[in-house]
Each structure stands twice: as C-alpha cells, then as structure tokens.
Amino acid sequence: MTTPLKLHRALAVLAVLGFQCFPVATTYNLENLFGNWLWTSEIGDTLVYFQGNLAASRQRHPQIDAGAKALWQGYMDGLIHLTQRRLSDTGYDYIATRCARKPVTEKMMFSASVMSK
C-alpha cells in the first residue's frame, strides 16, 4: 500500500521534530508495533501510534482495540504517558511517551457526583 503524499510530508515533519512515526496502514498491528517500540525506546522517546478517531476505530477493528488495550496496560504499568494532539475537528494524533514511573495501583472513581464535591 502506498502512503498519500500528504501523510508522507506529515511523517517527515514529525521525524524532524523528533517523533517516531509509522504509516497509518500499520495501525492494524498496533499491539505488535507498540511492543517492538517498547523494546527499542528510551526514556523520553515518543511514538505517534494512531491518527484519527481512536474510539470509533476501536469499535470497528478488533486489532486496533487490542493494541489500544496494550497501550493502556503500558500506561498502567508505568512505562508510558499517553497524550493527544488535535489534528482537526474529527481527528487526533495519539502519542505515547516512554517514561519510568510507578505503576498505577488504584483506580480512580469518575463520577459527576464525586467531581462536584
């Protein structure tokens, strides 16, 4: 599969800025992509692991859902920080940044009643 010229340019710009990027076509192997990146990354390295609407894509593609779960587990284990950068009204760059912190041991309650107190 060929990557559109617009995406090639975006990947080139991100590479110059120090981001490690992979073509959108590989997001269906997101779990393997993340595992391979985790083995080779160093503290502070970043990975743009998805572009678009991750929540919608997770519902349609089980492979993307499995990869997103692997990334979340990496966050819970203290291996990465997860951030987003808005691309447009309908899409984001989803970014993992390698870190070394304590694993998350407690789940926070998210509730409107808890947040309002």
C-alpha atoms as a PDB file:
ATOM      1  CA  MET A   1       0.000   0.000   0.000  1.00  0.00           C
ATOM      2  CA  THR A   2       1.310   3.434  -0.850  1.00  0.00           C
ATOM      3  CA  THR A   3       1.080   6.272   1.612  1.00  0.00           C
ATOM      4  CA  PRO A   4      -0.529   9.502   0.354  1.00  0.00           C
ATOM      5  CA  LEU A   5       1.834  12.421  -0.268  1.00  0.00           C
ATOM      6  CA  LYS A   6       0.159  14.489   2.464  1.00  0.00           C
ATOM      7  CA  LEU A   7       0.882  11.739   5.003  1.00  0.00           C
ATOM      8  CA  HIS A   8       4.483  11.373   3.789  1.00  0.00           C
ATOM      9  CA  ARG A   9       5.013  15.092   4.372  1.00  0.00           C
ATOM     10  CA  ALA A  10       3.420  14.914   7.820  1.00  0.00           C
ATOM     11  CA  LEU A  11       5.619  11.966   8.775  1.00  0.00           C
ATOM     12  CA  ALA A  12       8.709  13.790   7.518  1.00  0.00           C
ATOM     13  CA  VAL A  13       7.865  16.894   9.580  1.00  0.00           C
ATOM     14  CA  LEU A  14       7.240  14.822  12.703  1.00  0.00           C
ATOM     15  CA  ALA A  15      10.514  12.938  12.174  1.00  0.00           C
ATOM     16  CA  VAL A  16      12.383  16.252  12.006  1.00  0.00           C
ATOM     17  CA  LEU A  17      10.695  17.260  15.277  1.00  0.00           C
ATOM     18  CA  GLY A  18      11.925  14.053  16.891  1.00  0.00           C
ATOM     19  CA  PHE A  19       8.752  11.979  16.773  1.00  0.00           C
ATOM     20  CA  GLN A  20       8.903   8.350  15.691  1.00  0.00           C
ATOM     21  CA  CYS A  21       6.020   7.710  13.312  1.00  0.00           C
ATOM     22  CA  PHE A  22       4.625   4.793  11.377  1.00  0.00           C
ATOM     23  CA  PRO A  23       2.241   4.880   8.397  1.00  0.00           C
ATOM     24  CA  VAL A  24      -1.445   4.650   9.222  1.00  0.00           C
ATOM     25  CA  ALA A  25      -1.650   1.272   7.434  1.00  0.00           C
ATOM     26  CA  THR A  26       0.335  -0.372  10.256  1.00  0.00           C
ATOM     27  CA  THR A  27      -2.164   0.643  12.946  1.00  0.00           C
ATOM     28  CA  TYR A  28      -3.969  -2.677  12.434  1.00  0.00           C
ATOM     29  CA  ASN A  29      -0.875  -4.296  14.001  1.00  0.00           C
ATOM     30  CA  LEU A  30      -0.870  -1.733  16.795  1.00  0.00           C
ATOM     31  CA  GLU A  31      -0.156  -4.267  19.531  1.00  0.00           C
ATOM     32  CA  ASN A  32       2.976  -5.548  17.744  1.00  0.00           C
ATOM     33  CA  LEU A  33       4.042  -2.018  16.807  1.00  0.00           C
ATOM     34  CA  PHE A  34       3.828  -0.926  20.436  1.00  0.00           C
ATOM     35  CA  GLY A  35       5.667  -3.996  21.712  1.00  0.00           C
ATOM     36  CA  ASN A  36       8.510  -3.516  19.237  1.00  0.00           C
ATOM     37  CA  TRP A  37       8.758   0.196  20.029  1.00  0.00           C
ATOM     38  CA  LEU A  38       8.787  -0.507  23.760  1.00  0.00           C
ATOM     39  CA  TRP A  39      11.823  -2.805  23.378  1.00  0.00           C
ATOM     40  CA  THR A  40      13.840  -0.212  21.446  1.00  0.00           C
ATOM     41  CA  SER A  41      12.678   3.070  23.010  1.00  0.00           C
ATOM     42  CA  GLU A  42      14.449   5.099  25.664  1.00  0.00           C
ATOM     43  CA  ILE A  43      13.047   7.434  28.313  1.00  0.00           C
ATOM     44  CA  GLY A  44      11.591  10.489  26.559  1.00  0.00           C
ATOM     45  CA  ASP A  45      11.113   8.808  23.154  1.00  0.00           C
ATOM     46  CA  THR A  46       7.706   9.383  21.565  1.00  0.00           C
ATOM     47  CA  LEU A  47       5.549   7.296  19.283  1.00  0.00           C
ATOM     48  CA  VAL A  48       2.588   8.582  17.283  1.00  0.00           C
ATOM     49  CA  TYR A  49       0.708   5.303  17.390  1.00  0.00           C
ATOM     50  CA  PHE A  50      -2.588   6.356  15.817  1.00  0.00           C
ATOM     51  CA  GLN A  51      -4.063   9.201  13.793  1.00  0.00           C
ATOM     52  CA  GLY A  52      -7.795   9.819  13.561  1.00  0.00           C
ATOM     53  CA  ASN A  53     -10.572   8.860  15.959  1.00  0.00           C
ATOM     54  CA  LEU A  54      -9.295   6.008  18.129  1.00  0.00           C
ATOM     55  CA  ALA A  55     -12.576   5.395  19.962  1.00  0.00           C
ATOM     56  CA  ALA A  56     -14.518   4.920  16.715  1.00  0.00           C
ATOM     57  CA  SER A  57     -11.789   2.764  15.178  1.00  0.00           C
ATOM     58  CA  ARG A  58     -11.663   0.524  18.256  1.00  0.00           C
ATOM     59  CA  GLN A  59     -15.342  -0.318  17.780  1.00  0.00           C
ATOM     60  CA  ARG A  60     -14.857  -1.325  14.129  1.00  0.00           C
ATOM     61  CA  HIS A  61     -11.453  -3.057  14.264  1.00  0.00           C
ATOM     62  CA  PRO A  62     -10.633  -5.670  16.934  1.00  0.00           C
ATOM     63  CA  GLN A  63      -6.893  -5.395  16.157  1.00  0.00           C
ATOM     64  CA  ILE A  64      -6.897  -1.685  16.947  1.00  0.00           C
ATOM     65  CA  ASP A  65      -8.871  -2.377  20.129  1.00  0.00           C
ATOM     66  CA  ALA A  66      -6.291  -4.995  21.206  1.00  0.00           C
ATOM     67  CA  GLY A  67      -3.473  -2.528  20.505  1.00  0.00           C
ATOM     68  CA  ALA A  68      -5.192   0.246  22.452  1.00  0.00           C
ATOM     69  CA  LYS A  69      -5.597  -2.132  25.398  1.00  0.00           C
ATOM     70  CA  ALA A  70      -1.873  -2.968  25.227  1.00  0.00           C
ATOM     71  CA  LEU A  71      -1.007   0.743  25.290  1.00  0.00           C
ATOM     72  CA  TRP A  72      -3.343   1.302  28.245  1.00  0.00           C
ATOM     73  CA  GLN A  73      -1.657  -1.560  30.086  1.00  0.00           C
ATOM     74  CA  GLY A  74       1.714   0.090  29.368  1.00  0.00           C
ATOM     75  CA  TYR A  75       0.348   3.261  30.954  1.00  0.00           C
ATOM     76  CA  MET A  76      -0.969   1.358  33.979  1.00  0.00           C
ATOM     77  CA  ASP A  77       2.426  -0.387  34.349  1.00  0.00           C
ATOM     78  CA  GLY A  78       4.223   2.983  34.423  1.00  0.00           C
ATOM     79  CA  LEU A  79       6.044   2.507  31.104  1.00  0.00           C
ATOM     80  CA  ILE A  80       4.445   5.338  29.105  1.00  0.00           C
ATOM     81  CA  HIS A  81       2.466   8.566  29.287  1.00  0.00           C
ATOM     82  CA  LEU A  82      -0.452   8.880  26.864  1.00  0.00           C
ATOM     83  CA  THR A  83      -1.316  12.214  25.259  1.00  0.00           C
ATOM     84  CA  GLN A  84      -3.311  13.531  22.310  1.00  0.00           C
ATOM     85  CA  ARG A  85      -2.780  16.377  19.855  1.00  0.00           C
ATOM     86  CA  ARG A  86      -5.738  17.728  17.861  1.00  0.00           C
ATOM     87  CA  LEU A  87      -5.299  17.435  14.092  1.00  0.00           C
ATOM     88  CA  SER A  88      -8.743  18.624  13.027  1.00  0.00           C
ATOM     89  CA  ASP A  89     -12.346  18.664  14.217  1.00  0.00           C
ATOM     90  CA  THR A  90     -12.546  14.914  13.697  1.00  0.00           C
ATOM     91  CA  GLY A  91      -9.104  13.560  14.456  1.00  0.00           C
ATOM     92  CA  TYR A  92      -6.132  13.458  16.778  1.00  0.00           C
ATOM     93  CA  ASP A  93      -2.558  12.240  16.949  1.00  0.00           C
ATOM     94  CA  TYR A  94      -2.368   9.704  19.765  1.00  0.00           C
ATOM     95  CA  ILE A  95       1.095   9.835  21.308  1.00  0.00           C
ATOM     96  CA  ALA A  96       2.902   7.501  23.706  1.00  0.00           C
ATOM     97  CA  THR A  97       5.949   8.897  25.527  1.00  0.00           C
ATOM     98  CA  ARG A  98       8.354   6.437  27.177  1.00  0.00           C
ATOM     99  CA  CYS A  99       8.815   7.104  30.883  1.00  0.00           C
ATOM    100  CA  ALA A 100       9.773   5.395  34.118  1.00  0.00           C
ATOM    101  CA  ARG A 101       7.282   5.967  36.883  1.00  0.00           C
ATOM    102  CA  LYS A 102       5.473   3.901  39.484  1.00  0.00           C
ATOM    103  CA  PRO A 103       2.652   1.693  38.209  1.00  0.00           C
ATOM    104  CA  VAL A 104      -0.910   2.795  38.842  1.00  0.00           C
ATOM    105  CA  THR A 105      -2.171   0.748  41.780  1.00  0.00           C
ATOM    106  CA  GLU A 106      -5.557   2.360  42.441  1.00  0.00           C
ATOM    107  CA  LYS A 107      -8.417   3.010  40.105  1.00  0.00           C
ATOM    108  CA  MET A 108      -9.953   6.440  40.445  1.00  0.00           C
ATOM    109  CA  MET A 109     -13.703   6.797  40.566  1.00  0.00           C
ATOM    110  CA  PHE A 110     -15.011   9.012  37.816  1.00  0.00           C
ATOM    111  CA  SER A 111     -18.460  10.238  38.649  1.00  0.00           C
ATOM    112  CA  ALA A 112     -20.279  13.528  38.268  1.00  0.00           C
ATOM    113  CA  SER A 113     -21.242  13.371  41.936  1.00  0.00           C
ATOM    114  CA  VAL A 114     -17.623  12.820  43.049  1.00  0.00           C
ATOM    115  CA  MET A 115     -16.319  15.549  40.749  1.00  0.00           C
ATOM    116  CA  SER A 116     -18.832  18.132  42.031  1.00  0.00           C
ATOM    117  CA  LYS A 117     -17.820  17.783  45.701  1.00  0.00           C
END
